[in-house]
Amino acid sequence: MGMVIAAAHTATHHGAGPACAVALASRAARACLEQAQVSPSSVGVLINVGVYRESNTFEPALAALVQKEVGINLDYIADPAPAAGFSFDLMNGACGVLNAVQLAQSLLDTGSADRALITAADVHPGGDARRDPHYPYADLAGALLLQRSADPDAGFGPVSVYAGDGPTDTEGYLDTAAMGSDGRSRITVRRTEGHGARRSAHAAACTAAYVREHGIDPDRTLVVGPRAAHDNVVAGEPHTAAPILGYLRALAAPRPADRDRLLIVTAGAGPSAACAAYRPEGW
């Protein structure tokens, strides 16, 4: 059985108040469950891969807070079927979603869970990315609901991760020497000159390597690259939620008749990249 995407959604910050990573991730997750017409209790595991959070919050795990907001099996005594929900954070920047897909494949293959929910949300520590012209990322969340499919030709192929040879050219960190009393609302993001071109080159090289390693036919494949989701829908770059937004854009666009699969590619700091082939049900 293959593992397929049962539902996918994104959520953006449009309100007058500060953005909240938990609220955005929860909104995207609830939309996924509603689209798939399943209850929160049907989710066996939730993996959150967001990096940037309001007030630079890192404890407790945001996955647990999202789980609570969505209401995923919070009490194994009161709601024992199918089991108590399990959730955790996984942080690997732009590659986090595909890392989570790889983990979810293992969990679903072994029968440890029937469904897995991946959430990705980044928000400016100060609450509104639109007010900081130097901060590159959008206040954006995405969610994927994954489940097994009886269609042997549908679903994800192997997830491959590739590490680059050079030093990292993108860093996000707290500058303790400069943050002063505003440390909860500030973050320093540094990129070396030419980082975009290097990231694109690394993504292209990793895509070519994946195609060779797994026998992918390029003439039958649509590539969803790391920049595929960057448009006017959000103010700033999509970060950890970019693969989800790119996937939704690919499904919404006209599809050439000879293309029967997607190749999702992510690239980020490290430098690192990840690739996974995916064939939706019915393609």
Protein backbone atom coordinates (compact mmCIF):
# COMPACT_ATOMS: atom_id res chain seq x y z
CA MET A 1 0.00 0.00 0.00
CA GLY A 2 1.20 3.50 -0.81
CA MET A 3 0.97 6.52 1.45
CA VAL A 4 -1.08 9.31 -0.08
CA ILE A 5 -2.08 12.85 0.78
CA ALA A 6 -5.71 12.70 1.87
CA ALA A 7 -5.93 16.48 2.28
CA ALA A 8 -3.69 19.55 2.19
CA HIS A 9 -4.32 23.12 3.30
CA THR A 10 -2.52 26.35 4.06
CA ALA A 11 -3.37 29.24 6.39
CA THR A 12 -2.14 32.82 6.25
CA HIS A 13 -2.19 35.67 8.74
CA HIS A 14 -4.59 38.45 7.76
CA GLY A 15 -5.80 39.74 11.11
CA ALA A 16 -4.95 42.95 12.91
CA GLY A 17 -3.48 41.10 15.89
CA PRO A 18 -0.13 39.30 16.12
CA ALA A 19 0.43 36.10 14.15
CA CYS A 20 0.53 32.84 16.10
CA ALA A 21 2.24 29.71 14.79
CA VAL A 22 0.01 27.39 16.83
CA ALA A 23 -3.18 29.12 15.65
CA LEU A 24 -2.13 29.06 11.97
CA ALA A 25 -0.98 25.42 12.10
CA SER A 26 -4.17 24.40 13.90
CA ARG A 27 -6.34 26.20 11.35
CA ALA A 28 -4.62 24.41 8.47
CA ALA A 29 -4.87 21.07 10.31
CA ARG A 30 -8.59 21.43 11.04
CA ALA A 31 -9.22 22.32 7.38
CA CYS A 32 -7.44 19.09 6.36
CA LEU A 33 -9.62 16.98 8.65
CA GLU A 34 -12.76 18.71 7.40
CA GLN A 35 -11.78 18.18 3.77
CA ALA A 36 -11.04 14.50 4.38
CA GLN A 37 -14.21 14.15 6.50
CA VAL A 38 -12.43 12.40 9.33
CA SER A 39 -12.43 13.11 13.05
CA PRO A 40 -9.38 14.27 15.04
CA SER A 41 -9.40 10.91 16.86
CA SER A 42 -8.47 9.17 13.59
CA VAL A 43 -5.01 10.82 13.60
CA GLY A 44 -2.39 8.59 15.20
CA VAL A 45 0.58 10.96 15.08
CA LEU A 46 1.15 14.67 14.51
CA ILE A 47 4.55 15.96 13.38
CA ASN A 48 5.18 19.71 13.50
CA VAL A 49 8.10 21.04 11.45
CA GLY A 50 7.83 24.83 11.82
CA VAL A 51 10.91 26.81 12.85
CA TYR A 52 10.10 30.46 13.61
CA ARG A 53 7.55 31.20 16.35
CA GLU A 54 6.03 34.21 18.05
CA SER A 55 8.05 35.39 21.06
CA ASN A 56 10.77 32.87 20.05
CA THR A 57 8.93 30.13 21.95
CA PHE A 58 10.67 26.75 21.95
CA GLU A 59 9.20 25.00 24.99
CA PRO A 60 6.89 23.18 25.23
CA ALA A 61 6.89 21.45 21.86
CA LEU A 62 4.53 23.31 19.55
CA ALA A 63 3.27 19.97 18.25
CA ALA A 64 1.65 19.33 21.63
CA LEU A 65 -0.04 22.73 21.54
CA VAL A 66 -1.34 22.12 18.01
CA GLN A 67 -2.57 18.68 19.08
CA LYS A 68 -4.51 20.29 21.92
CA GLU A 69 -6.03 22.98 19.69
CA VAL A 70 -7.15 20.43 17.11
CA GLY A 71 -8.37 17.98 19.79
CA ILE A 72 -6.42 14.91 18.67
CA ASN A 73 -6.95 12.13 21.24
CA LEU A 74 -6.10 14.19 24.29
CA ASP A 75 -7.23 11.59 26.84
CA TYR A 76 -6.58 7.90 26.20
CA ILE A 77 -8.99 6.95 28.99
CA ALA A 78 -11.90 9.13 27.90
CA ASP A 79 -11.26 8.55 24.17
CA PRO A 80 -9.41 5.23 23.89
CA ALA A 81 -10.18 4.52 20.23
CA PRO A 82 -7.99 4.17 18.29
CA ALA A 83 -5.25 5.25 20.73
CA ALA A 84 -3.81 8.22 22.56
CA GLY A 85 -2.41 10.79 20.14
CA PHE A 86 1.34 11.17 19.80
CA SER A 87 2.96 14.42 18.68
CA PHE A 88 6.45 15.87 18.40
CA ASP A 89 8.46 18.66 16.76
CA LEU A 90 10.95 17.98 13.98
CA MET A 91 13.07 20.96 12.98
CA ASN A 92 15.09 20.86 9.78
CA GLY A 93 14.14 24.10 8.10
CA ALA A 94 12.99 23.98 4.49
CA CYS A 95 13.46 20.19 4.31
CA GLY A 96 11.31 19.51 7.38
CA VAL A 97 8.11 18.52 5.56
CA LEU A 98 9.83 15.80 3.51
CA ASN A 99 11.71 14.58 6.60
CA ALA A 100 8.31 14.25 8.28
CA VAL A 101 6.93 12.41 5.24
CA GLN A 102 9.77 9.91 5.55
CA LEU A 103 8.95 9.31 9.23
CA ALA A 104 5.24 9.04 8.51
CA GLN A 105 5.94 6.39 5.85
CA SER A 106 7.68 4.24 8.45
CA LEU A 107 4.88 4.66 10.98
CA LEU A 108 2.14 3.84 8.50
CA ASP A 109 4.08 0.92 6.97
CA THR A 110 4.45 -0.75 10.37
CA GLY A 111 0.82 -0.15 11.30
CA SER A 112 1.78 2.12 14.19
CA ALA A 113 -0.78 4.64 12.91
CA ASP A 114 -3.53 4.77 10.30
CA ARG A 115 -3.15 8.48 9.62
CA ALA A 116 -0.40 11.03 10.17
CA LEU A 117 -0.79 14.79 10.21
CA ILE A 118 2.12 17.08 9.32
CA THR A 119 1.95 20.76 10.22
CA ALA A 120 4.38 23.50 9.26
CA ALA A 121 4.11 27.10 10.46
CA ASP A 122 6.49 30.04 10.63
CA VAL A 123 5.69 33.46 12.04
CA HIS A 124 7.80 36.49 12.87
CA PRO A 125 8.81 36.50 16.56
CA GLY A 126 7.35 39.99 16.83
CA GLY A 127 3.99 38.83 15.52
CA ASP A 128 3.80 40.32 12.00
CA ALA A 129 6.35 39.68 9.24
CA ARG A 130 4.83 42.48 7.13
CA ARG A 131 6.22 45.09 9.54
CA ASP A 132 9.83 43.90 9.23
CA PRO A 133 11.25 44.47 5.73
CA HIS A 134 14.49 42.70 6.64
CA TYR A 135 12.81 39.43 7.67
CA PRO A 136 12.54 37.21 4.58
CA TYR A 137 9.83 34.68 5.50
CA ALA A 138 6.05 34.83 5.37
CA ASP A 139 3.66 34.29 8.26
CA LEU A 140 2.34 31.04 6.78
CA ALA A 141 1.22 27.57 7.83
CA GLY A 142 0.47 24.38 5.96
CA ALA A 143 -0.80 20.92 6.82
CA LEU A 144 -0.79 17.50 5.14
CA LEU A 145 -3.03 14.62 6.19
CA LEU A 146 -1.43 11.33 5.14
CA GLN A 147 -3.00 7.88 5.01
CA ARG A 148 -2.52 4.52 3.34
CA SER A 149 -4.03 3.83 -0.06
CA ALA A 150 -5.17 0.58 -1.63
CA ASP A 151 -3.86 1.83 -4.99
CA PRO A 152 -0.36 0.31 -5.33
CA ASP A 153 0.62 2.87 -7.97
CA ALA A 154 -0.30 5.91 -5.90
CA GLY A 155 1.55 7.66 -3.11
CA PHE A 156 5.05 8.67 -2.15
CA GLY A 157 8.21 7.09 -3.40
CA PRO A 158 11.41 7.08 -1.33
CA VAL A 159 12.49 10.32 0.33
CA SER A 160 16.16 11.10 -0.31
CA VAL A 161 18.17 13.74 1.54
CA TYR A 162 21.31 15.32 0.12
CA ALA A 163 23.95 17.34 1.98
CA GLY A 164 26.04 19.99 0.23
CA ASP A 165 29.80 20.38 0.47
CA GLY A 166 30.03 24.07 1.35
CA PRO A 167 29.33 25.95 4.58
CA THR A 168 25.82 27.07 5.42
CA ASP A 169 24.92 30.41 3.86
CA THR A 170 21.67 31.03 5.76
CA GLU A 171 21.42 31.38 9.54
CA GLY A 172 18.55 32.30 11.83
CA TYR A 173 19.47 32.93 15.45
CA LEU A 174 19.10 35.11 18.51
CA ASP A 175 21.86 37.72 18.70
CA THR A 176 22.19 37.90 22.48
CA ALA A 177 24.64 40.80 22.28
CA ALA A 178 22.20 42.99 20.38
CA MET A 179 18.70 41.90 21.38
CA GLY A 180 18.48 43.87 24.64
CA SER A 181 14.99 43.90 26.15
CA ASP A 182 13.38 43.09 22.79
CA GLY A 183 14.78 39.58 22.49
CA ARG A 184 11.37 37.92 22.54
CA SER A 185 10.27 39.84 19.45
CA ARG A 186 13.47 39.79 17.36
CA ILE A 187 15.40 37.28 15.29
CA THR A 188 18.55 37.65 13.19
CA VAL A 189 18.47 36.01 9.74
CA ARG A 190 21.74 36.19 7.81
CA ARG A 191 22.30 35.14 4.23
CA THR A 192 25.54 35.35 2.31
CA GLU A 193 25.54 37.00 -1.08
CA GLY A 194 24.41 34.68 -3.86
CA HIS A 195 22.65 32.25 -1.53
CA GLY A 196 19.61 32.02 -3.83
CA ALA A 197 21.66 30.95 -6.84
CA ARG A 198 23.58 28.40 -4.76
CA ARG A 199 20.36 26.97 -3.33
CA SER A 200 18.87 26.66 -6.83
CA ALA A 201 22.01 24.96 -8.14
CA HIS A 202 22.04 22.54 -5.21
CA ALA A 203 18.34 21.74 -5.71
CA ALA A 204 18.91 21.11 -9.43
CA ALA A 205 21.87 18.79 -8.76
CA CYS A 206 19.90 16.84 -6.15
CA THR A 207 16.91 16.55 -8.46
CA ALA A 208 19.12 15.09 -11.19
CA ALA A 209 20.65 12.66 -8.69
CA TYR A 210 17.21 11.52 -7.47
CA VAL A 211 16.01 10.96 -11.04
CA ARG A 212 19.04 8.76 -11.73
CA GLU A 213 18.90 6.85 -8.46
CA HIS A 214 15.20 6.00 -8.60
CA GLY A 215 14.63 5.64 -12.34
CA ILE A 216 12.25 8.58 -12.66
CA ASP A 217 11.17 9.48 -16.21
CA PRO A 218 11.62 13.28 -16.44
CA ASP A 219 9.26 13.48 -19.42
CA ARG A 220 6.39 12.19 -17.27
CA THR A 221 7.18 14.25 -14.17
CA LEU A 222 6.18 17.69 -12.88
CA VAL A 223 8.79 19.18 -10.57
CA VAL A 224 7.56 21.15 -7.55
CA GLY A 225 10.72 23.07 -6.66
CA PRO A 226 11.67 25.19 -3.65
CA ARG A 227 10.58 28.39 -5.41
CA ALA A 228 7.38 27.01 -6.92
CA ALA A 229 5.22 28.43 -4.13
CA HIS A 230 6.63 31.96 -4.07
CA ASP A 231 3.89 34.22 -5.41
CA ASN A 232 1.72 37.15 -4.38
CA VAL A 233 -0.50 35.08 -2.08
CA VAL A 234 1.77 35.73 0.91
CA ALA A 235 4.01 38.63 1.88
CA GLY A 236 7.51 37.16 2.03
CA GLU A 237 8.99 33.76 1.21
CA PRO A 238 7.23 30.56 2.24
CA HIS A 239 9.65 28.61 4.44
CA THR A 240 8.80 25.26 6.04
CA ALA A 241 5.28 25.27 4.54
CA ALA A 242 6.60 25.90 1.00
CA PRO A 243 6.30 22.25 -0.19
CA ILE A 244 2.65 22.17 0.89
CA LEU A 245 1.84 25.42 -0.88
CA GLY A 246 3.77 24.25 -3.95
CA TYR A 247 1.87 20.96 -3.99
CA LEU A 248 -1.49 22.76 -3.86
CA ARG A 249 -0.38 25.09 -6.68
CA ALA A 250 0.65 22.10 -8.80
CA LEU A 251 -2.72 20.39 -8.33
CA ALA A 252 -4.60 23.59 -9.19
CA ALA A 253 -2.65 24.26 -12.41
CA PRO A 254 -3.53 22.62 -15.75
CA ARG A 255 -1.70 19.30 -16.04
CA PRO A 256 -0.23 18.10 -19.34
CA ALA A 257 -1.72 14.75 -20.31
CA ASP A 258 1.68 13.03 -20.39
CA ARG A 259 2.59 13.96 -16.80
CA ASP A 260 1.53 11.36 -14.23
CA ARG A 261 3.62 12.14 -11.16
CA LEU A 262 5.15 14.94 -9.12
CA LEU A 263 8.69 15.33 -7.86
CA ILE A 264 8.72 17.49 -4.73
CA VAL A 265 12.08 19.16 -4.12
CA THR A 266 13.13 21.25 -1.11
CA ALA A 267 16.40 23.03 -0.42
CA GLY A 268 17.63 25.15 2.44
CA ALA A 269 20.33 25.91 4.94
CA GLY A 270 22.97 23.28 5.54
CA PRO A 271 23.20 23.38 2.62
CA SER A 272 20.80 20.46 2.25
CA ALA A 273 18.05 19.30 -0.07
CA ALA A 274 15.39 16.61 -0.06
CA CYS A 275 13.42 14.99 -2.88
CA ALA A 276 10.40 12.69 -3.03
CA ALA A 277 8.36 11.42 -5.97
CA TYR A 278 4.60 11.48 -5.50
CA ARG A 279 1.68 10.20 -7.57
CA PRO A 280 -1.78 11.36 -6.43
CA GLU A 281 -4.62 8.86 -6.50
CA GLY A 282 -6.39 8.89 -9.84
CA TRP A 283 -3.45 10.20 -11.89
